[in-house]
Amino acid sequence: MKVRLFEIFTSVEGEGILYGTKTLFVRLAGCPFTCFYCDTKESLPLDSGTEYSIEDANQLIDSNLKNQTYKVNFTGGDPLIQHQAVALLAKHIQEKKIPTYLESSCFDIDRFNHVLPFIDIVKIEFKTKDSDFVDSQHYEKLIGHTMKCLESSVSAKKITYIKVVVSSKTKPDDFTQLVNQIFDIVSKDDIDGFIIQPTYGVAEPSLDLLLSLYDIVFPHYNEVKVVPQLHKFIGAP
């Protein structure tokens, strides 16, 4: 089996519930989606990066793994594009007793379930309608898969948190509908965090909008947090 990796690097985690932790990022090539705020567009083509055998990729990961690394983050692109390879790479990391972390839009429940046994921490990223993730015709279908992935991760008792990227285009009514759908599936006690992440450098939301979106989540999950991409403020990749 082969895998296409765009880059591997150690940095400070700048997003989500584990921001600030020393992390090895394994960025896989390939993503079919078109989020307007994407900050890794160069990794979207499936033929970007470099192709490796699984054995060579494992060796590359090992050679880049630094002391005191808290976790290994499989990101992209979208890692589920190469789900079989991710499962093998993550299994290799787990054997080293280092937590594995999946960063994905969770667009396919079958691919997700294939990878899940080898992942310790799962970020379920829900896309808003205004993200240009996909066209409106396909949006509900893909969000349905994300909902199933959330349910699967919680059932497997993984460390699971939700992230939603929001922008000045985000409509509170659409956001409310999405949040209600999420908490029809899970309860507060099922998840380990709910992160509202504002876009950076493009269509940035106002403070008033962020507070409105926060207030929509709060009745369901009172530990909701607004967390920007903190790594960008320290010049980290």
C-alpha atoms as a PDB file:
ATOM      1  CA  MET A   1       0.000   0.000   0.000  1.00  0.00           C
ATOM      2  CA  LYS A   2       1.102   3.555  -0.748  1.00  0.00           C
ATOM      3  CA  VAL A   3       0.325   6.847   0.951  1.00  0.00           C
ATOM      4  CA  ARG A   4       0.747  10.432  -0.244  1.00  0.00           C
ATOM      5  CA  LEU A   5       2.051  12.746   2.454  1.00  0.00           C
ATOM      6  CA  PHE A   6       2.175  16.479   1.923  1.00  0.00           C
ATOM      7  CA  GLU A   7       4.351  17.282   4.939  1.00  0.00           C
ATOM      8  CA  ILE A   8       5.387  16.142   8.397  1.00  0.00           C
ATOM      9  CA  PHE A   9       6.432  18.644  11.044  1.00  0.00           C
ATOM     10  CA  THR A  10       6.439  19.319  14.781  1.00  0.00           C
ATOM     11  CA  SER A  11       4.717  22.422  16.058  1.00  0.00           C
ATOM     12  CA  VAL A  12       2.473  23.750  18.791  1.00  0.00           C
ATOM     13  CA  GLU A  13      -1.157  22.709  18.439  1.00  0.00           C
ATOM     14  CA  GLY A  14      -3.086  25.906  17.806  1.00  0.00           C
ATOM     15  CA  GLU A  15      -6.673  24.668  17.612  1.00  0.00           C
ATOM     16  CA  GLY A  16      -9.310  22.876  19.599  1.00  0.00           C
ATOM     17  CA  ILE A  17      -9.286  21.573  23.150  1.00  0.00           C
ATOM     18  CA  LEU A  18      -5.587  20.599  23.134  1.00  0.00           C
ATOM     19  CA  TYR A  19      -4.110  23.884  21.947  1.00  0.00           C
ATOM     20  CA  GLY A  20      -0.630  24.521  23.278  1.00  0.00           C
ATOM     21  CA  THR A  21       0.524  20.906  23.144  1.00  0.00           C
ATOM     22  CA  LYS A  22       3.667  19.809  21.312  1.00  0.00           C
ATOM     23  CA  THR A  23       2.400  17.854  18.322  1.00  0.00           C
ATOM     24  CA  LEU A  24       3.743  15.972  15.328  1.00  0.00           C
ATOM     25  CA  PHE A  25       1.520  16.838  12.371  1.00  0.00           C
ATOM     26  CA  VAL A  26       1.185  14.287   9.576  1.00  0.00           C
ATOM     27  CA  ARG A  27      -0.502  16.126   6.722  1.00  0.00           C
ATOM     28  CA  LEU A  28      -1.963  13.825   4.110  1.00  0.00           C
ATOM     29  CA  ALA A  29      -2.600  14.911   0.534  1.00  0.00           C
ATOM     30  CA  GLY A  30      -6.066  15.130  -0.930  1.00  0.00           C
ATOM     31  CA  CYS A  31      -9.396  16.777  -0.187  1.00  0.00           C
ATOM     32  CA  PRO A  32     -12.354  17.077  -2.579  1.00  0.00           C
ATOM     33  CA  PHE A  33     -14.048  19.935  -0.733  1.00  0.00           C
ATOM     34  CA  THR A  34     -13.977  23.678  -1.362  1.00  0.00           C
ATOM     35  CA  CYS A  35     -14.207  25.540   1.951  1.00  0.00           C
ATOM     36  CA  PHE A  36     -13.545  29.188   1.088  1.00  0.00           C
ATOM     37  CA  TYR A  37     -11.417  29.756   4.206  1.00  0.00           C
ATOM     38  CA  CYS A  38      -9.108  26.755   3.704  1.00  0.00           C
ATOM     39  CA  ASP A  39      -5.546  27.654   4.710  1.00  0.00           C
ATOM     40  CA  THR A  40      -3.869  24.551   3.256  1.00  0.00           C
ATOM     41  CA  LYS A  41      -5.074  24.740  -0.342  1.00  0.00           C
ATOM     42  CA  GLU A  42      -1.728  23.455  -1.596  1.00  0.00           C
ATOM     43  CA  SER A  43      -2.452  20.064   0.002  1.00  0.00           C
ATOM     44  CA  LEU A  44      -5.899  19.616  -1.582  1.00  0.00           C
ATOM     45  CA  PRO A  45      -4.859  17.893  -4.856  1.00  0.00           C
ATOM     46  CA  LEU A  46      -4.570  14.129  -4.394  1.00  0.00           C
ATOM     47  CA  ASP A  47      -1.341  14.182  -6.419  1.00  0.00           C
ATOM     48  CA  SER A  48       0.275  16.806  -4.187  1.00  0.00           C
ATOM     49  CA  GLY A  49       3.057  15.888  -1.800  1.00  0.00           C
ATOM     50  CA  THR A  50       5.159  12.737  -2.115  1.00  0.00           C
ATOM     51  CA  GLU A  51       4.145   9.092  -2.373  1.00  0.00           C
ATOM     52  CA  TYR A  52       5.648   6.612   0.094  1.00  0.00           C
ATOM     53  CA  SER A  53       5.208   2.985   0.977  1.00  0.00           C
ATOM     54  CA  ILE A  54       3.644   2.528   4.423  1.00  0.00           C
ATOM     55  CA  GLU A  55       6.978   1.244   5.714  1.00  0.00           C
ATOM     56  CA  ASP A  56       8.840   4.301   4.427  1.00  0.00           C
ATOM     57  CA  ALA A  57       6.135   6.620   5.781  1.00  0.00           C
ATOM     58  CA  ASN A  58       6.445   5.014   9.218  1.00  0.00           C
ATOM     59  CA  GLN A  59      10.203   5.514   9.110  1.00  0.00           C
ATOM     60  CA  LEU A  60       9.698   9.147   8.099  1.00  0.00           C
ATOM     61  CA  ILE A  61       7.326   9.662  11.014  1.00  0.00           C
ATOM     62  CA  ASP A  62       9.800   8.018  13.394  1.00  0.00           C
ATOM     63  CA  SER A  63      12.645  10.220  12.187  1.00  0.00           C
ATOM     64  CA  ASN A  64      10.564  13.370  12.732  1.00  0.00           C
ATOM     65  CA  LEU A  65       9.180  12.373  16.133  1.00  0.00           C
ATOM     66  CA  LYS A  66      10.729  14.592  18.800  1.00  0.00           C
ATOM     67  CA  ASN A  67      11.068  13.936  22.527  1.00  0.00           C
ATOM     68  CA  GLN A  68       8.139  14.933  24.732  1.00  0.00           C
ATOM     69  CA  THR A  69       5.664  14.967  21.845  1.00  0.00           C
ATOM     70  CA  TYR A  70       2.157  14.903  23.319  1.00  0.00           C
ATOM     71  CA  LYS A  71       0.282  13.505  20.304  1.00  0.00           C
ATOM     72  CA  VAL A  72       0.418  12.772  16.580  1.00  0.00           C
ATOM     73  CA  ASN A  73      -2.165  14.652  14.547  1.00  0.00           C
ATOM     74  CA  PHE A  74      -3.382  13.183  11.244  1.00  0.00           C
ATOM     75  CA  THR A  75      -4.593  16.129   9.198  1.00  0.00           C
ATOM     76  CA  GLY A  76      -4.881  17.199   5.583  1.00  0.00           C
ATOM     77  CA  GLY A  77      -6.317  17.752   3.128  1.00  0.00           C
ATOM     78  CA  ASP A  78      -8.695  15.326   4.726  1.00  0.00           C
ATOM     79  CA  PRO A  79      -7.147  12.132   6.137  1.00  0.00           C
ATOM     80  CA  LEU A  80     -10.230  10.042   5.341  1.00  0.00           C
ATOM     81  CA  ILE A  81      -9.399  10.344   1.643  1.00  0.00           C
ATOM     82  CA  GLN A  82      -6.592   7.844   2.421  1.00  0.00           C
ATOM     83  CA  HIS A  83      -8.323   6.073   5.276  1.00  0.00           C
ATOM     84  CA  GLN A  84      -6.659   2.675   4.873  1.00  0.00           C
ATOM     85  CA  ALA A  85      -3.202   4.218   5.022  1.00  0.00           C
ATOM     86  CA  VAL A  86      -4.145   6.388   8.004  1.00  0.00           C
ATOM     87  CA  ALA A  87      -5.277   3.313   9.923  1.00  0.00           C
ATOM     88  CA  LEU A  88      -1.897   1.644   9.378  1.00  0.00           C
ATOM     89  CA  LEU A  89       0.110   4.755  10.263  1.00  0.00           C
ATOM     90  CA  ALA A  90      -1.994   5.407  13.368  1.00  0.00           C
ATOM     91  CA  LYS A  91      -1.591   1.798  14.519  1.00  0.00           C
ATOM     92  CA  HIS A  92       2.183   2.279  14.255  1.00  0.00           C
ATOM     93  CA  ILE A  93       1.970   5.369  16.468  1.00  0.00           C
ATOM     94  CA  GLN A  94      -0.274   3.693  19.026  1.00  0.00           C
ATOM     95  CA  GLU A  95       2.316   0.959  19.439  1.00  0.00           C
ATOM     96  CA  LYS A  96       4.666   3.699  20.680  1.00  0.00           C
ATOM     97  CA  LYS A  97       2.103   4.632  23.362  1.00  0.00           C
ATOM     98  CA  ILE A  98       1.633   8.108  21.874  1.00  0.00           C
ATOM     99  CA  PRO A  99      -1.949   9.387  21.505  1.00  0.00           C
ATOM    100  CA  THR A 100      -3.283   9.590  17.959  1.00  0.00           C
ATOM    101  CA  TYR A 101      -5.535  12.431  16.854  1.00  0.00           C
ATOM    102  CA  LEU A 102      -7.806  12.627  13.809  1.00  0.00           C
ATOM    103  CA  GLU A 103      -8.629  15.996  12.268  1.00  0.00           C
ATOM    104  CA  SER A 104     -11.349  15.502   9.670  1.00  0.00           C
ATOM    105  CA  SER A 105     -14.669  16.752   8.356  1.00  0.00           C
ATOM    106  CA  CYS A 106     -15.836  13.157   8.877  1.00  0.00           C
ATOM    107  CA  PHE A 107     -17.578  12.985   5.522  1.00  0.00           C
ATOM    108  CA  ASP A 108     -17.877   9.191   5.258  1.00  0.00           C
ATOM    109  CA  ILE A 109     -19.004   6.909   8.087  1.00  0.00           C
ATOM    110  CA  ASP A 110     -17.499   3.729   6.599  1.00  0.00           C
ATOM    111  CA  ARG A 111     -14.060   5.286   6.154  1.00  0.00           C
ATOM    112  CA  PHE A 112     -14.329   6.823   9.611  1.00  0.00           C
ATOM    113  CA  ASN A 113     -15.187   3.522  11.268  1.00  0.00           C
ATOM    114  CA  HIS A 114     -12.231   1.855   9.534  1.00  0.00           C
ATOM    115  CA  VAL A 115      -9.830   4.377  11.093  1.00  0.00           C
ATOM    116  CA  LEU A 116     -11.525   4.813  14.477  1.00  0.00           C
ATOM    117  CA  PRO A 117      -9.996   1.819  16.346  1.00  0.00           C
ATOM    118  CA  PHE A 118      -6.543   3.356  15.833  1.00  0.00           C
ATOM    119  CA  ILE A 119      -7.467   6.893  16.920  1.00  0.00           C
ATOM    120  CA  ASP A 120      -7.527   8.116  20.523  1.00  0.00           C
ATOM    121  CA  ILE A 121      -8.718  11.715  20.087  1.00  0.00           C
ATOM    122  CA  VAL A 122     -11.300  12.720  17.491  1.00  0.00           C
ATOM    123  CA  LYS A 123     -12.123  16.201  16.320  1.00  0.00           C
ATOM    124  CA  ILE A 124     -15.490  16.121  14.569  1.00  0.00           C
ATOM    125  CA  GLU A 125     -15.604  19.187  12.332  1.00  0.00           C
ATOM    126  CA  PHE A 126     -19.038  20.305  11.267  1.00  0.00           C
ATOM    127  CA  LYS A 127     -19.137  22.569   8.235  1.00  0.00           C
ATOM    128  CA  THR A 128     -21.654  25.395   8.034  1.00  0.00           C
ATOM    129  CA  LYS A 129     -23.797  25.933   4.948  1.00  0.00           C
ATOM    130  CA  ASP A 130     -21.935  29.152   4.157  1.00  0.00           C
ATOM    131  CA  SER A 131     -18.495  27.465   4.141  1.00  0.00           C
ATOM    132  CA  ASP A 132     -18.762  26.463   0.452  1.00  0.00           C
ATOM    133  CA  PHE A 133     -17.838  22.967   1.659  1.00  0.00           C
ATOM    134  CA  VAL A 134     -20.072  21.461  -1.029  1.00  0.00           C
ATOM    135  CA  ASP A 135     -23.070  22.692  -2.984  1.00  0.00           C
ATOM    136  CA  SER A 136     -26.421  22.915  -1.223  1.00  0.00           C
ATOM    137  CA  GLN A 137     -27.667  19.775  -2.977  1.00  0.00           C
ATOM    138  CA  HIS A 138     -25.052  17.604  -1.252  1.00  0.00           C
ATOM    139  CA  TYR A 139     -24.682  19.472   2.054  1.00  0.00           C
ATOM    140  CA  GLU A 140     -27.324  17.618   4.075  1.00  0.00           C
ATOM    141  CA  LYS A 141     -26.064  14.217   2.939  1.00  0.00           C
ATOM    142  CA  LEU A 142     -22.504  14.944   4.008  1.00  0.00           C
ATOM    143  CA  ILE A 143     -23.580  16.508   7.310  1.00  0.00           C
ATOM    144  CA  GLY A 144     -25.583  13.325   7.890  1.00  0.00           C
ATOM    145  CA  HIS A 145     -22.343  11.358   7.622  1.00  0.00           C
ATOM    146  CA  THR A 146     -20.668  13.738  10.082  1.00  0.00           C
ATOM    147  CA  MET A 147     -23.520  13.171  12.526  1.00  0.00           C
ATOM    148  CA  LYS A 148     -23.070   9.401  12.216  1.00  0.00           C
ATOM    149  CA  CYS A 149     -19.327   9.774  12.807  1.00  0.00           C
ATOM    150  CA  LEU A 150     -20.018  11.793  15.948  1.00  0.00           C
ATOM    151  CA  GLU A 151     -22.342   9.089  17.219  1.00  0.00           C
ATOM    152  CA  SER A 152     -19.803   6.377  16.385  1.00  0.00           C
ATOM    153  CA  SER A 153     -16.922   8.169  18.133  1.00  0.00           C
ATOM    154  CA  VAL A 154     -18.978   8.730  21.275  1.00  0.00           C
ATOM    155  CA  SER A 155     -20.173   5.112  21.282  1.00  0.00           C
ATOM    156  CA  ALA A 156     -16.552   3.963  21.035  1.00  0.00           C
ATOM    157  CA  LYS A 157     -15.762   6.165  24.056  1.00  0.00           C
ATOM    158  CA  LYS A 158     -13.071   8.106  22.253  1.00  0.00           C
ATOM    159  CA  ILE A 159     -12.044  11.553  23.439  1.00  0.00           C
ATOM    160  CA  THR A 160     -14.424  13.432  21.154  1.00  0.00           C
ATOM    161  CA  TYR A 161     -14.921  17.116  20.598  1.00  0.00           C
ATOM    162  CA  ILE A 162     -16.762  19.253  18.087  1.00  0.00           C
ATOM    163  CA  LYS A 163     -15.358  22.153  16.099  1.00  0.00           C
ATOM    164  CA  VAL A 164     -17.289  24.544  13.879  1.00  0.00           C
ATOM    165  CA  VAL A 165     -15.492  27.183  11.835  1.00  0.00           C
ATOM    166  CA  VAL A 166     -17.582  30.336  11.534  1.00  0.00           C
ATOM    167  CA  SER A 167     -17.231  33.496   9.470  1.00  0.00           C
ATOM    168  CA  SER A 168     -19.024  36.762   8.833  1.00  0.00           C
ATOM    169  CA  LYS A 169     -21.199  34.774   6.403  1.00  0.00           C
ATOM    170  CA  THR A 170     -22.507  32.419   9.108  1.00  0.00           C
ATOM    171  CA  LYS A 171     -26.223  32.856   9.698  1.00  0.00           C
ATOM    172  CA  PRO A 172     -27.394  32.353  13.302  1.00  0.00           C
ATOM    173  CA  ASP A 173     -30.565  30.553  12.143  1.00  0.00           C
ATOM    174  CA  ASP A 174     -28.533  27.995  10.158  1.00  0.00           C
ATOM    175  CA  PHE A 175     -26.107  27.630  13.062  1.00  0.00           C
ATOM    176  CA  THR A 176     -29.006  27.041  15.465  1.00  0.00           C
ATOM    177  CA  GLN A 177     -30.368  24.299  13.213  1.00  0.00           C
ATOM    178  CA  LEU A 178     -26.959  22.602  13.095  1.00  0.00           C
ATOM    179  CA  VAL A 179     -26.474  22.810  16.876  1.00  0.00           C
ATOM    180  CA  ASN A 180     -29.940  21.392  17.508  1.00  0.00           C
ATOM    181  CA  GLN A 181     -29.168  18.467  15.187  1.00  0.00           C
ATOM    182  CA  ILE A 182     -25.929  17.777  17.048  1.00  0.00           C
ATOM    183  CA  PHE A 183     -27.539  17.731  20.481  1.00  0.00           C
ATOM    184  CA  ASP A 184     -30.354  15.543  19.263  1.00  0.00           C
ATOM    185  CA  ILE A 185     -27.608  12.904  18.903  1.00  0.00           C
ATOM    186  CA  VAL A 186     -25.334  13.604  21.870  1.00  0.00           C
ATOM    187  CA  SER A 187     -25.627  15.095  25.327  1.00  0.00           C
ATOM    188  CA  LYS A 188     -23.261  17.408  27.164  1.00  0.00           C
ATOM    189  CA  ASP A 189     -21.694  14.465  28.985  1.00  0.00           C
ATOM    190  CA  ASP A 190     -20.891  12.634  25.751  1.00  0.00           C
ATOM    191  CA  ILE A 191     -18.374  15.142  24.387  1.00  0.00           C
ATOM    192  CA  ASP A 192     -15.132  16.649  25.643  1.00  0.00           C
ATOM    193  CA  GLY A 193     -15.499  20.078  24.086  1.00  0.00           C
ATOM    194  CA  PHE A 194     -17.333  22.332  21.671  1.00  0.00           C
ATOM    195  CA  ILE A 195     -15.129  24.846  19.876  1.00  0.00           C
ATOM    196  CA  ILE A 196     -16.320  27.782  17.790  1.00  0.00           C
ATOM    197  CA  GLN A 197     -13.366  28.766  15.611  1.00  0.00           C
ATOM    198  CA  PRO A 198     -13.495  32.125  13.815  1.00  0.00           C
ATOM    199  CA  THR A 199     -11.959  32.412  10.375  1.00  0.00           C
ATOM    200  CA  TYR A 200      -8.638  34.225  10.188  1.00  0.00           C
ATOM    201  CA  GLY A 201      -7.714  36.701   7.478  1.00  0.00           C
ATOM    202  CA  VAL A 202     -10.878  36.177   5.426  1.00  0.00           C
ATOM    203  CA  ALA A 203     -14.523  37.063   6.204  1.00  0.00           C
ATOM    204  CA  GLU A 204     -13.675  37.351   9.893  1.00  0.00           C
ATOM    205  CA  PRO A 205     -16.776  37.356  12.126  1.00  0.00           C
ATOM    206  CA  SER A 206     -17.540  40.266  14.430  1.00  0.00           C
ATOM    207  CA  LEU A 207     -17.448  39.914  18.195  1.00  0.00           C
ATOM    208  CA  ASP A 208     -21.204  40.409  18.311  1.00  0.00           C
ATOM    209  CA  LEU A 209     -21.726  37.501  15.924  1.00  0.00           C
ATOM    210  CA  LEU A 210     -19.356  35.275  17.895  1.00  0.00           C
ATOM    211  CA  LEU A 211     -21.219  36.050  21.104  1.00  0.00           C
ATOM    212  CA  SER A 212     -24.534  35.272  19.406  1.00  0.00           C
ATOM    213  CA  LEU A 213     -23.219  31.905  18.211  1.00  0.00           C
ATOM    214  CA  TYR A 214     -21.784  31.201  21.663  1.00  0.00           C
ATOM    215  CA  ASP A 215     -25.204  31.890  23.181  1.00  0.00           C
ATOM    216  CA  ILE A 216     -26.791  29.386  20.804  1.00  0.00           C
ATOM    217  CA  VAL A 217     -24.524  26.568  22.030  1.00  0.00           C
ATOM    218  CA  PHE A 218     -24.434  27.518  25.723  1.00  0.00           C
ATOM    219  CA  PRO A 219     -27.860  26.106  26.731  1.00  0.00           C
ATOM    220  CA  HIS A 220     -26.763  22.725  25.338  1.00  0.00           C
ATOM    221  CA  TYR A 221     -23.103  22.824  26.395  1.00  0.00           C
ATOM    222  CA  ASN A 222     -22.091  25.514  28.863  1.00  0.00           C
ATOM    223  CA  GLU A 223     -18.365  24.860  28.429  1.00  0.00           C
ATOM    224  CA  VAL A 224     -18.430  26.023  24.792  1.00  0.00           C
ATOM    225  CA  LYS A 225     -15.357  28.076  23.879  1.00  0.00           C
ATOM    226  CA  VAL A 226     -14.437  30.509  21.118  1.00  0.00           C
ATOM    227  CA  VAL A 227     -10.853  29.618  20.173  1.00  0.00           C
ATOM    228  CA  PRO A 228      -9.060  31.162  17.172  1.00  0.00           C
ATOM    229  CA  GLN A 229      -6.116  29.525  15.417  1.00  0.00           C
ATOM    230  CA  LEU A 230      -3.607  30.420  18.095  1.00  0.00           C
ATOM    231  CA  HIS A 231      -0.568  29.062  16.266  1.00  0.00           C
ATOM    232  CA  LYS A 232      -0.875  31.870  13.727  1.00  0.00           C
ATOM    233  CA  PHE A 233      -0.259  34.445  16.439  1.00  0.00           C
ATOM    234  CA  ILE A 234       3.143  32.940  17.252  1.00  0.00           C
ATOM    235  CA  GLY A 235       4.135  32.350  13.638  1.00  0.00           C
ATOM    236  CA  ALA A 236       3.950  28.547  13.933  1.00  0.00           C
ATOM    237  CA  PRO A 237       2.933  26.386  10.950  1.00  0.00           C
END
